[in-house]
Amino acid sequence: MIRLYISGATPRSTRAVEALKALAEELGESCEVEIIDVYQQAARARQDNVLVTPTLIERSRGAVRRLVGDLSDSRRLRAALGLAKV
């Protein structure tokens, strides 16, 4: 499960959503993505200790990976998610 926390429809949020959707399409069905707008779901952001947006959180096998800020660099995004370049 990958969660992306955004702040409304700001340009940074829009770029983050586009970058994550492109990666999810590339990975296929093996990637489940949840997009959470902190303006609409502030309690969820507090639960995950999200203070800055965009923030990407990926949990697998007990490990938590976070990436904060610009997600447009696909190499950085892949590294944060522990994915090798295909």
PDB file of N, CA and C in Angstrom:
ATOM      1  N   MET A   1       0.844  -1.187   0.000  1.00  0.00           N
ATOM      2  CA  MET A   1       0.000   0.000   0.000  1.00  0.00           C
ATOM      3  C   MET A   1       0.885   1.244   0.000  1.00  0.00           C
ATOM      4  N   ILE A   2       0.604   2.127  -0.921  1.00  0.00           N
ATOM      5  CA  ILE A   2       1.308   3.397  -1.001  1.00  0.00           C
ATOM      6  C   ILE A   2       0.291   4.494  -0.748  1.00  0.00           C
ATOM      7  N   ARG A   3       0.612   5.379   0.193  1.00  0.00           N
ATOM      8  CA  ARG A   3      -0.254   6.527   0.475  1.00  0.00           C
ATOM      9  C   ARG A   3       0.469   7.796   0.075  1.00  0.00           C
ATOM     10  N   LEU A   4      -0.261   8.653  -0.616  1.00  0.00           N
ATOM     11  CA  LEU A   4       0.268   9.957  -0.975  1.00  0.00           C
ATOM     12  C   LEU A   4      -0.599  11.011  -0.325  1.00  0.00           C
ATOM     13  N   TYR A   5       0.009  11.807   0.527  1.00  0.00           N
ATOM     14  CA  TYR A   5      -0.685  12.914   1.172  1.00  0.00           C
ATOM     15  C   TYR A   5      -0.410  14.180   0.374  1.00  0.00           C
ATOM     16  N   ILE A   6      -1.489  14.878   0.020  1.00  0.00           N
ATOM     17  CA  ILE A   6      -1.384  16.117  -0.755  1.00  0.00           C
ATOM     18  C   ILE A   6      -2.174  17.225  -0.067  1.00  0.00           C
ATOM     19  N   SER A   7      -1.977  18.446  -0.558  1.00  0.00           N
ATOM     20  CA  SER A   7      -2.707  19.616  -0.053  1.00  0.00           C
ATOM     21  C   SER A   7      -3.549  20.195  -1.168  1.00  0.00           C
ATOM     22  N   GLY A   8      -4.740  19.688  -1.341  1.00  0.00           N
ATOM     23  CA  GLY A   8      -5.643  20.221  -2.356  1.00  0.00           C
ATOM     24  C   GLY A   8      -5.117  20.031  -3.760  1.00  0.00           C
ATOM     25  N   ALA A   9      -5.464  20.956  -4.634  1.00  0.00           N
ATOM     26  CA  ALA A   9      -5.098  20.862  -6.047  1.00  0.00           C
ATOM     27  C   ALA A   9      -3.973  21.826  -6.411  1.00  0.00           C
ATOM     28  N   THR A  10      -3.000  21.969  -5.521  1.00  0.00           N
ATOM     29  CA  THR A  10      -1.876  22.850  -5.797  1.00  0.00           C
ATOM     30  C   THR A  10      -1.017  22.255  -6.910  1.00  0.00           C
ATOM     31  N   PRO A  11      -0.192  23.066  -7.554  1.00  0.00           N
ATOM     32  CA  PRO A  11       0.677  22.523  -8.607  1.00  0.00           C
ATOM     33  C   PRO A  11       1.582  21.394  -8.105  1.00  0.00           C
ATOM     34  N   ARG A  12       2.140  21.541  -6.901  1.00  0.00           N
ATOM     35  CA  ARG A  12       3.007  20.485  -6.352  1.00  0.00           C
ATOM     36  C   ARG A  12       2.215  19.202  -6.115  1.00  0.00           C
ATOM     37  N   SER A  13       1.014  19.335  -5.612  1.00  0.00           N
ATOM     38  CA  SER A  13       0.176  18.162  -5.374  1.00  0.00           C
ATOM     39  C   SER A  13      -0.176  17.479  -6.684  1.00  0.00           C
ATOM     40  N   THR A  14      -0.533  18.263  -7.677  1.00  0.00           N
ATOM     41  CA  THR A  14      -0.894  17.727  -8.986  1.00  0.00           C
ATOM     42  C   THR A  14       0.279  16.979  -9.606  1.00  0.00           C
ATOM     43  N   ARG A  15       1.484  17.550  -9.543  1.00  0.00           N
ATOM     44  CA  ARG A  15       2.674  16.875 -10.082  1.00  0.00           C
ATOM     45  C   ARG A  15       2.951  15.571  -9.343  1.00  0.00           C
ATOM     46  N   ALA A  16       2.787  15.588  -8.024  1.00  0.00           N
ATOM     47  CA  ALA A  16       3.026  14.379  -7.233  1.00  0.00           C
ATOM     48  C   ALA A  16       2.045  13.270  -7.617  1.00  0.00           C
ATOM     49  N   VAL A  17       0.779  13.614  -7.773  1.00  0.00           N
ATOM     50  CA  VAL A  17      -0.238  12.626  -8.158  1.00  0.00           C
ATOM     51  C   VAL A  17       0.081  12.068  -9.540  1.00  0.00           C
ATOM     52  N   GLU A  18       0.438  12.926 -10.477  1.00  0.00           N
ATOM     53  CA  GLU A  18       0.753  12.473 -11.831  1.00  0.00           C
ATOM     54  C   GLU A  18       1.955  11.536 -11.836  1.00  0.00           C
ATOM     55  N   ALA A  19       2.994  11.884 -11.079  1.00  0.00           N
ATOM     56  CA  ALA A  19       4.197  11.046 -11.024  1.00  0.00           C
ATOM     57  C   ALA A  19       3.885   9.685 -10.411  1.00  0.00           C
ATOM     58  N   LEU A  20       3.106   9.672  -9.355  1.00  0.00           N
ATOM     59  CA  LEU A  20       2.772   8.413  -8.700  1.00  0.00           C
ATOM     60  C   LEU A  20       1.858   7.554  -9.578  1.00  0.00           C
ATOM     61  N   LYS A  21       0.903   8.176 -10.243  1.00  0.00           N
ATOM     62  CA  LYS A  21       0.021   7.422 -11.147  1.00  0.00           C
ATOM     63  C   LYS A  21       0.806   6.815 -12.302  1.00  0.00           C
ATOM     64  N   ALA A  22       1.770   7.554 -12.834  1.00  0.00           N
ATOM     65  CA  ALA A  22       2.593   7.023 -13.929  1.00  0.00           C
ATOM     66  C   ALA A  22       3.381   5.810 -13.450  1.00  0.00           C
ATOM     67  N   LEU A  23       3.937   5.881 -12.259  1.00  0.00           N
ATOM     68  CA  LEU A  23       4.676   4.739 -11.719  1.00  0.00           C
ATOM     69  C   LEU A  23       3.744   3.564 -11.449  1.00  0.00           C
ATOM     70  N   ALA A  24       2.568   3.832 -10.905  1.00  0.00           N
ATOM     71  CA  ALA A  24       1.604   2.769 -10.614  1.00  0.00           C
ATOM     72  C   ALA A  24       1.170   2.065 -11.907  1.00  0.00           C
ATOM     73  N   GLU A  25       0.960   2.819 -12.974  1.00  0.00           N
ATOM     74  CA  GLU A  25       0.603   2.222 -14.266  1.00  0.00           C
ATOM     75  C   GLU A  25       1.721   1.334 -14.773  1.00  0.00           C
ATOM     76  N   GLU A  26       2.942   1.805 -14.606  1.00  0.00           N
ATOM     77  CA  GLU A  26       4.103   1.041 -15.045  1.00  0.00           C
ATOM     78  C   GLU A  26       4.231  -0.274 -14.268  1.00  0.00           C
ATOM     79  N   LEU A  27       3.908  -0.247 -12.978  1.00  0.00           N
ATOM     80  CA  LEU A  27       4.033  -1.432 -12.133  1.00  0.00           C
ATOM     81  C   LEU A  27       2.858  -2.378 -12.285  1.00  0.00           C
ATOM     82  N   GLY A  28       1.743  -1.876 -12.770  1.00  0.00           N
ATOM     83  CA  GLY A  28       0.569  -2.715 -12.977  1.00  0.00           C
ATOM     84  C   GLY A  28      -0.225  -2.911 -11.702  1.00  0.00           C
ATOM     85  N   GLU A  29      -0.916  -4.027 -11.621  1.00  0.00           N
ATOM     86  CA  GLU A  29      -1.824  -4.292 -10.519  1.00  0.00           C
ATOM     87  C   GLU A  29      -1.115  -4.540  -9.191  1.00  0.00           C
ATOM     88  N   SER A  30       0.179  -4.712  -9.212  1.00  0.00           N
ATOM     89  CA  SER A  30       0.904  -4.999  -7.979  1.00  0.00           C
ATOM     90  C   SER A  30       1.059  -3.766  -7.090  1.00  0.00           C
ATOM     91  N   CYS A  31       0.547  -2.640  -7.526  1.00  0.00           N
ATOM     92  CA  CYS A  31       0.723  -1.392  -6.790  1.00  0.00           C
ATOM     93  C   CYS A  31      -0.638  -0.797  -6.412  1.00  0.00           C
ATOM     94  N   GLU A  32      -0.936  -0.784  -5.118  1.00  0.00           N
ATOM     95  CA  GLU A  32      -2.178  -0.182  -4.631  1.00  0.00           C
ATOM     96  C   GLU A  32      -1.860   1.209  -4.085  1.00  0.00           C
ATOM     97  N   VAL A  33      -2.542   2.228  -4.609  1.00  0.00           N
ATOM     98  CA  VAL A  33      -2.266   3.626  -4.271  1.00  0.00           C
ATOM     99  C   VAL A  33      -3.489   4.260  -3.625  1.00  0.00           C
ATOM    100  N   GLU A  34      -3.248   5.014  -2.558  1.00  0.00           N
ATOM    101  CA  GLU A  34      -4.298   5.777  -1.894  1.00  0.00           C
ATOM    102  C   GLU A  34      -3.828   7.231  -1.829  1.00  0.00           C
ATOM    103  N   ILE A  35      -4.658   8.140  -2.311  1.00  0.00           N
ATOM    104  CA  ILE A  35      -4.331   9.564  -2.290  1.00  0.00           C
ATOM    105  C   ILE A  35      -5.211  10.231  -1.251  1.00  0.00           C
ATOM    106  N   ILE A  36      -4.566  10.945  -0.319  1.00  0.00           N
ATOM    107  CA  ILE A  36      -5.275  11.555   0.802  1.00  0.00           C
ATOM    108  C   ILE A  36      -5.003  13.058   0.795  1.00  0.00           C
ATOM    109  N   ASP A  37      -6.076  13.831   0.711  1.00  0.00           N
ATOM    110  CA  ASP A  37      -5.974  15.290   0.777  1.00  0.00           C
ATOM    111  C   ASP A  37      -6.045  15.690   2.249  1.00  0.00           C
ATOM    112  N   VAL A  38      -4.989  16.318   2.751  1.00  0.00           N
ATOM    113  CA  VAL A  38      -4.938  16.663   4.175  1.00  0.00           C
ATOM    114  C   VAL A  38      -5.996  17.699   4.560  1.00  0.00           C
ATOM    115  N   TYR A  39      -6.483  18.460   3.595  1.00  0.00           N
ATOM    116  CA  TYR A  39      -7.554  19.415   3.899  1.00  0.00           C
ATOM    117  C   TYR A  39      -8.864  18.689   4.198  1.00  0.00           C
ATOM    118  N   GLN A  40      -9.075  17.556   3.540  1.00  0.00           N
ATOM    119  CA  GLN A  40     -10.312  16.805   3.718  1.00  0.00           C
ATOM    120  C   GLN A  40     -10.206  15.728   4.787  1.00  0.00           C
ATOM    121  N   GLN A  41      -8.986  15.248   5.043  1.00  0.00           N
ATOM    122  CA  GLN A  41      -8.792  14.149   5.995  1.00  0.00           C
ATOM    123  C   GLN A  41      -7.607  14.432   6.920  1.00  0.00           C
ATOM    124  N   ALA A  42      -7.727  15.487   7.676  1.00  0.00           N
ATOM    125  CA  ALA A  42      -6.635  15.905   8.564  1.00  0.00           C
ATOM    126  C   ALA A  42      -6.295  14.849   9.613  1.00  0.00           C
ATOM    127  N   ALA A  43      -7.282  14.123  10.086  1.00  0.00           N
ATOM    128  CA  ALA A  43      -7.033  13.088  11.097  1.00  0.00           C
ATOM    129  C   ALA A  43      -6.114  11.997  10.549  1.00  0.00           C
ATOM    130  N   ARG A  44      -6.276  11.638   9.293  1.00  0.00           N
ATOM    131  CA  ARG A  44      -5.405  10.616   8.677  1.00  0.00           C
ATOM    132  C   ARG A  44      -3.966  11.114   8.619  1.00  0.00           C
ATOM    133  N   ALA A  45      -3.799  12.378   8.293  1.00  0.00           N
ATOM    134  CA  ALA A  45      -2.450  12.952   8.244  1.00  0.00           C
ATOM    135  C   ALA A  45      -1.813  12.934   9.635  1.00  0.00           C
ATOM    136  N   ARG A  46      -2.584  13.255  10.642  1.00  0.00           N
ATOM    137  CA  ARG A  46      -2.058  13.208  12.015  1.00  0.00           C
ATOM    138  C   ARG A  46      -1.672  11.786  12.406  1.00  0.00           C
ATOM    139  N   GLN A  47      -2.463  10.803  12.008  1.00  0.00           N
ATOM    140  CA  GLN A  47      -2.165   9.397  12.320  1.00  0.00           C
ATOM    141  C   GLN A  47      -0.813   8.976  11.760  1.00  0.00           C
ATOM    142  N   ASP A  48      -0.510   9.433  10.569  1.00  0.00           N
ATOM    143  CA  ASP A  48       0.754   9.072   9.922  1.00  0.00           C
ATOM    144  C   ASP A  48       1.852  10.118  10.148  1.00  0.00           C
ATOM    145  N   ASN A  49       1.605  11.059  11.039  1.00  0.00           N
ATOM    146  CA  ASN A  49       2.590  12.101  11.371  1.00  0.00           C
ATOM    147  C   ASN A  49       3.065  12.866  10.138  1.00  0.00           C
ATOM    148  N   VAL A  50       2.138  13.238   9.294  1.00  0.00           N
ATOM    149  CA  VAL A  50       2.456  13.999   8.092  1.00  0.00           C
ATOM    150  C   VAL A  50       2.373  15.486   8.426  1.00  0.00           C
ATOM    151  N   LEU A  51       3.497  16.168   8.255  1.00  0.00           N
ATOM    152  CA  LEU A  51       3.557  17.599   8.545  1.00  0.00           C
ATOM    153  C   LEU A  51       3.732  18.440   7.286  1.00  0.00           C
ATOM    154  N   VAL A  52       4.244  17.825   6.221  1.00  0.00           N
ATOM    155  CA  VAL A  52       4.556  18.522   4.977  1.00  0.00           C
ATOM    156  C   VAL A  52       3.959  17.728   3.822  1.00  0.00           C
ATOM    157  N   THR A  53       3.479  18.427   2.812  1.00  0.00           N
ATOM    158  CA  THR A  53       2.981  17.745   1.627  1.00  0.00           C
ATOM    159  C   THR A  53       3.726  18.236   0.396  1.00  0.00           C
ATOM    160  N   PRO A  54       3.816  17.434  -0.633  1.00  0.00           N
ATOM    161  CA  PRO A  54       3.383  16.044  -0.677  1.00  0.00           C
ATOM    162  C   PRO A  54       4.304  15.137   0.132  1.00  0.00           C
ATOM    163  N   THR A  55       3.700  14.122   0.742  1.00  0.00           N
ATOM    164  CA  THR A  55       4.433  13.078   1.455  1.00  0.00           C
ATOM    165  C   THR A  55       3.935  11.728   0.969  1.00  0.00           C
ATOM    166  N   LEU A  56       4.873  10.888   0.597  1.00  0.00           N
ATOM    167  CA  LEU A  56       4.572   9.545   0.154  1.00  0.00           C
ATOM    168  C   LEU A  56       4.986   8.579   1.261  1.00  0.00           C
ATOM    169  N   ILE A  57       4.093   7.677   1.621  1.00  0.00           N
ATOM    170  CA  ILE A  57       4.384   6.675   2.649  1.00  0.00           C
ATOM    171  C   ILE A  57       4.078   5.303   2.081  1.00  0.00           C
ATOM    172  N   GLU A  58       5.046   4.414   2.202  1.00  0.00           N
ATOM    173  CA  GLU A  58       4.881   3.045   1.731  1.00  0.00           C
ATOM    174  C   GLU A  58       5.215   2.113   2.885  1.00  0.00           C
ATOM    175  N   ARG A  59       4.305   1.195   3.158  1.00  0.00           N
ATOM    176  CA  ARG A  59       4.512   0.218   4.232  1.00  0.00           C
ATOM    177  C   ARG A  59       4.521  -1.177   3.621  1.00  0.00           C
ATOM    178  N   SER A  60       5.560  -1.924   3.957  1.00  0.00           N
ATOM    179  CA  SER A  60       5.612  -3.324   3.527  1.00  0.00           C
ATOM    180  C   SER A  60       6.507  -4.103   4.472  1.00  0.00           C
ATOM    181  N   ARG A  61       6.044  -5.269   4.828  1.00  0.00           N
ATOM    182  CA  ARG A  61       6.795  -6.168   5.694  1.00  0.00           C
ATOM    183  C   ARG A  61       7.303  -5.475   6.950  1.00  0.00           C
ATOM    184  N   GLY A  62       6.478  -4.636   7.547  1.00  0.00           N
ATOM    185  CA  GLY A  62       6.844  -3.955   8.785  1.00  0.00           C
ATOM    186  C   GLY A  62       7.708  -2.720   8.617  1.00  0.00           C
ATOM    187  N   ALA A  63       8.241  -2.506   7.430  1.00  0.00           N
ATOM    188  CA  ALA A  63       9.074  -1.331   7.171  1.00  0.00           C
ATOM    189  C   ALA A  63       8.220  -0.182   6.649  1.00  0.00           C
ATOM    190  N   VAL A  64       8.617   1.029   6.995  1.00  0.00           N
ATOM    191  CA  VAL A  64       7.924   2.226   6.513  1.00  0.00           C
ATOM    192  C   VAL A  64       8.937   3.074   5.754  1.00  0.00           C
ATOM    193  N   ARG A  65       8.580   3.437   4.541  1.00  0.00           N
ATOM    194  CA  ARG A  65       9.436   4.315   3.735  1.00  0.00           C
ATOM    195  C   ARG A  65       8.677   5.600   3.482  1.00  0.00           C
ATOM    196  N   ARG A  66       9.403   6.724   3.558  1.00  0.00           N
ATOM    197  CA  ARG A  66       8.797   8.036   3.334  1.00  0.00           C
ATOM    198  C   ARG A  66       9.609   8.820   2.314  1.00  0.00           C
ATOM    199  N   LEU A  67       8.884   9.577   1.522  1.00  0.00           N
ATOM    200  CA  LEU A  67       9.501  10.513   0.594  1.00  0.00           C
ATOM    201  C   LEU A  67       8.695  11.804   0.699  1.00  0.00           C
ATOM    202  N   VAL A  68       9.375  12.880   0.991  1.00  0.00           N
ATOM    203  CA  VAL A  68       8.711  14.167   1.183  1.00  0.00           C
ATOM    204  C   VAL A  68       9.179  15.125   0.098  1.00  0.00           C
ATOM    205  N   GLY A  69       8.226  15.852  -0.473  1.00  0.00           N
ATOM    206  CA  GLY A  69       8.570  16.862  -1.461  1.00  0.00           C
ATOM    207  C   GLY A  69       8.310  16.408  -2.885  1.00  0.00           C
ATOM    208  N   ASP A  70       9.102  16.926  -3.794  1.00  0.00           N
ATOM    209  CA  ASP A  70       8.927  16.707  -5.226  1.00  0.00           C
ATOM    210  C   ASP A  70       9.079  15.228  -5.592  1.00  0.00           C
ATOM    211  N   LEU A  71       8.081  14.670  -6.268  1.00  0.00           N
ATOM    212  CA  LEU A  71       8.125  13.272  -6.692  1.00  0.00           C
ATOM    213  C   LEU A  71       8.394  13.132  -8.189  1.00  0.00           C
ATOM    214  N   SER A  72       8.728  14.222  -8.856  1.00  0.00           N
ATOM    215  CA  SER A  72       8.871  14.178 -10.312  1.00  0.00           C
ATOM    216  C   SER A  72      10.148  13.474 -10.768  1.00  0.00           C
ATOM    217  N   ASP A  73      11.134  13.305  -9.890  1.00  0.00           N
ATOM    218  CA  ASP A  73      12.348  12.583 -10.230  1.00  0.00           C
ATOM    219  C   ASP A  73      12.071  11.089 -10.072  1.00  0.00           C
ATOM    220  N   SER A  74      11.857  10.397 -11.182  1.00  0.00           N
ATOM    221  CA  SER A  74      11.448   8.988 -11.119  1.00  0.00           C
ATOM    222  C   SER A  74      12.506   8.105 -10.467  1.00  0.00           C
ATOM    223  N   ARG A  75      13.780   8.424 -10.625  1.00  0.00           N
ATOM    224  CA  ARG A  75      14.827   7.624  -9.968  1.00  0.00           C
ATOM    225  C   ARG A  75      14.738   7.762  -8.455  1.00  0.00           C
ATOM    226  N   ARG A  76      14.526   8.960  -7.982  1.00  0.00           N
ATOM    227  CA  ARG A  76      14.385   9.198  -6.539  1.00  0.00           C
ATOM    228  C   ARG A  76      13.132   8.511  -5.995  1.00  0.00           C
ATOM    229  N   LEU A  77      12.047   8.580  -6.746  1.00  0.00           N
ATOM    230  CA  LEU A  77      10.800   7.939  -6.353  1.00  0.00           C
ATOM    231  C   LEU A  77      10.975   6.425  -6.266  1.00  0.00           C
ATOM    232  N   ARG A  78      11.604   5.845  -7.289  1.00  0.00           N
ATOM    233  CA  ARG A  78      11.852   4.402  -7.285  1.00  0.00           C
ATOM    234  C   ARG A  78      12.762   3.999  -6.124  1.00  0.00           C
ATOM    235  N   ALA A  79      13.781   4.768  -5.876  1.00  0.00           N
ATOM    236  CA  ALA A  79      14.697   4.449  -4.767  1.00  0.00           C
ATOM    237  C   ALA A  79      13.971   4.502  -3.434  1.00  0.00           C
ATOM    238  N   ALA A  80      13.105   5.488  -3.251  1.00  0.00           N
ATOM    239  CA  ALA A  80      12.365   5.615  -1.992  1.00  0.00           C
ATOM    240  C   ALA A  80      11.442   4.425  -1.784  1.00  0.00           C
ATOM    241  N   LEU A  81      10.964   3.844  -2.861  1.00  0.00           N
ATOM    242  CA  LEU A  81      10.061   2.705  -2.774  1.00  0.00           C
ATOM    243  C   LEU A  81      10.793   1.361  -2.834  1.00  0.00           C
ATOM    244  N   GLY A  82      12.116   1.432  -2.966  1.00  0.00           N
ATOM    245  CA  GLY A  82      12.900   0.205  -3.017  1.00  0.00           C
ATOM    246  C   GLY A  82      12.731  -0.558  -4.310  1.00  0.00           C
ATOM    247  N   LEU A  83      12.479   0.150  -5.391  1.00  0.00           N
ATOM    248  CA  LEU A  83      12.269  -0.491  -6.702  1.00  0.00           C
ATOM    249  C   LEU A  83      13.497  -0.341  -7.577  1.00  0.00           C
ATOM    250  N   ALA A  84      13.905  -1.400  -8.200  1.00  0.00           N
ATOM    251  CA  ALA A  84      15.004  -1.342  -9.141  1.00  0.00           C
ATOM    252  C   ALA A  84      14.502  -0.819 -10.475  1.00  0.00           C
ATOM    253  N   LYS A  85      15.341  -0.195 -11.216  1.00  0.00           N
ATOM    254  CA  LYS A  85      14.987   0.299 -12.563  1.00  0.00           C
ATOM    255  C   LYS A  85      14.735  -0.887 -13.470  1.00  0.00           C
ATOM    256  N   VAL A  86      13.575  -0.873 -14.133  1.00  0.00           N
ATOM    257  CA  VAL A  86      13.202  -1.985 -15.015  1.00  0.00           C
ATOM    258  C   VAL A  86      13.721  -1.714 -16.402  1.00  0.00           C
TER     259      VAL A  86
END
